[in-house]
């Protein structure tokens, strides 16, 4: 359930509370549960660690294929565009 949908339901429940129709908090508890956050990817490595060998391979690939974008090189090596940029600028190994 999306946040705007939950907002509409909460307003409807508030109206029913004002009218004296609601006696239980079950609906409110269910909506509160729907607002819980999803687990993020924090702490999990998304791409492999940058090694000296991989940095050298990225630089060589870039020299051999100057027409390729950093995004294409990143996809080829399974790393982020930012890592490729850092390697090519000399900020990574």
Protein backbone atom coordinates (compact mmCIF):
# COMPACT_ATOMS: atom_id res chain seq x y z
CA UNK A 1 0.00 0.00 0.00
CA UNK A 2 1.34 3.42 -0.94
CA UNK A 3 1.56 6.40 1.41
CA UNK A 4 -1.15 8.45 -0.37
CA UNK A 5 -3.55 5.50 -0.04
CA UNK A 6 -2.79 5.24 3.67
CA UNK A 7 -3.35 8.99 4.06
CA UNK A 8 -6.81 8.71 2.50
CA UNK A 9 -7.74 5.78 4.73
CA UNK A 10 -6.56 7.63 7.85
CA UNK A 11 -8.72 10.63 6.93
CA UNK A 12 -11.70 8.34 6.42
CA UNK A 13 -11.12 6.71 9.82
CA UNK A 14 -10.80 10.15 11.45
CA UNK A 15 -14.19 11.10 10.00
CA UNK A 16 -15.71 7.88 11.33
CA UNK A 17 -14.18 8.55 14.77
CA UNK A 18 -15.73 12.04 14.75
CA UNK A 19 -19.09 10.46 13.89
CA UNK A 20 -18.70 7.90 16.72
CA UNK A 21 -18.68 4.92 14.34
CA UNK A 22 -15.25 3.51 15.22
CA UNK A 23 -14.76 1.67 18.49
CA UNK A 24 -11.65 -0.40 17.71
CA UNK A 25 -8.08 0.60 16.77
CA UNK A 26 -7.55 -2.44 14.54
CA UNK A 27 -7.68 -0.42 11.30
CA UNK A 28 -5.22 2.12 12.67
CA UNK A 29 -2.80 -0.60 13.76
CA UNK A 30 -3.00 -2.22 10.30
CA UNK A 31 -2.24 1.11 8.63
CA UNK A 32 0.66 1.75 11.01
CA UNK A 33 2.10 -1.64 10.04
CA UNK A 34 1.78 -0.69 6.36
CA UNK A 35 4.02 2.32 7.01
CA UNK A 36 7.00 0.25 8.17
CA UNK A 37 10.16 0.72 6.14
CA UNK A 38 11.52 -1.87 3.77
CA UNK A 39 14.96 -3.25 4.42
CA UNK A 40 17.64 -1.35 2.55
CA UNK A 41 20.89 -2.53 1.05
CA UNK A 42 23.03 -0.76 3.62
CA UNK A 43 25.88 -2.93 4.77
CA UNK A 44 25.74 -5.23 1.76
CA UNK A 45 28.35 -4.90 -0.92
CA UNK A 46 26.66 -4.23 -4.25
CA UNK A 47 29.74 -4.48 -6.46
CA UNK A 48 32.97 -6.42 -5.99
CA UNK A 49 35.83 -4.72 -4.14
CA UNK A 50 38.21 -2.71 -6.30
CA UNK A 51 41.55 -4.49 -6.54
CA UNK A 52 44.75 -3.31 -8.21
CA UNK A 53 44.23 -5.97 -10.88
CA UNK A 54 40.69 -4.78 -11.63
CA UNK A 55 41.81 -1.14 -11.74
CA UNK A 56 44.54 -2.05 -14.24
CA UNK A 57 42.03 -4.06 -16.30
CA UNK A 58 39.62 -1.10 -16.34
CA UNK A 59 42.36 1.28 -17.49
CA UNK A 60 43.48 -1.16 -20.21
CA UNK A 61 39.89 -1.67 -21.37
CA UNK A 62 39.45 2.08 -21.56
CA UNK A 63 42.65 2.46 -23.61
CA UNK A 64 41.63 -0.34 -25.99
CA UNK A 65 38.01 0.88 -26.30
CA UNK A 66 38.07 4.71 -26.06
CA UNK A 67 34.63 4.90 -27.70
CA UNK A 68 32.98 3.14 -24.73
CA UNK A 69 31.35 5.23 -22.04
CA UNK A 70 32.19 4.82 -18.37
CA UNK A 71 28.73 3.33 -17.86
CA UNK A 72 29.43 0.65 -20.50
CA UNK A 73 32.79 -0.14 -18.91
CA UNK A 74 31.14 -0.31 -15.49
CA UNK A 75 28.53 -2.80 -16.73
CA UNK A 76 31.27 -4.89 -18.36
CA UNK A 77 33.18 -5.16 -15.06
CA UNK A 78 30.13 -5.31 -12.79
CA UNK A 79 31.00 -2.16 -10.83
CA UNK A 80 29.39 1.27 -10.50
CA UNK A 81 30.01 4.16 -12.89
CA UNK A 82 31.55 6.07 -10.01
CA UNK A 83 34.20 3.40 -9.43
CA UNK A 84 35.21 3.50 -13.10
CA UNK A 85 35.43 7.30 -12.92
CA UNK A 86 37.62 7.10 -9.81
CA UNK A 87 39.94 4.55 -11.45
CA UNK A 88 40.31 6.59 -14.63
CA UNK A 89 41.03 9.76 -12.66
CA UNK A 90 43.65 7.94 -10.58
CA UNK A 91 41.72 8.15 -7.31
CA UNK A 92 41.49 4.36 -7.00
CA UNK A 93 44.43 2.00 -6.92
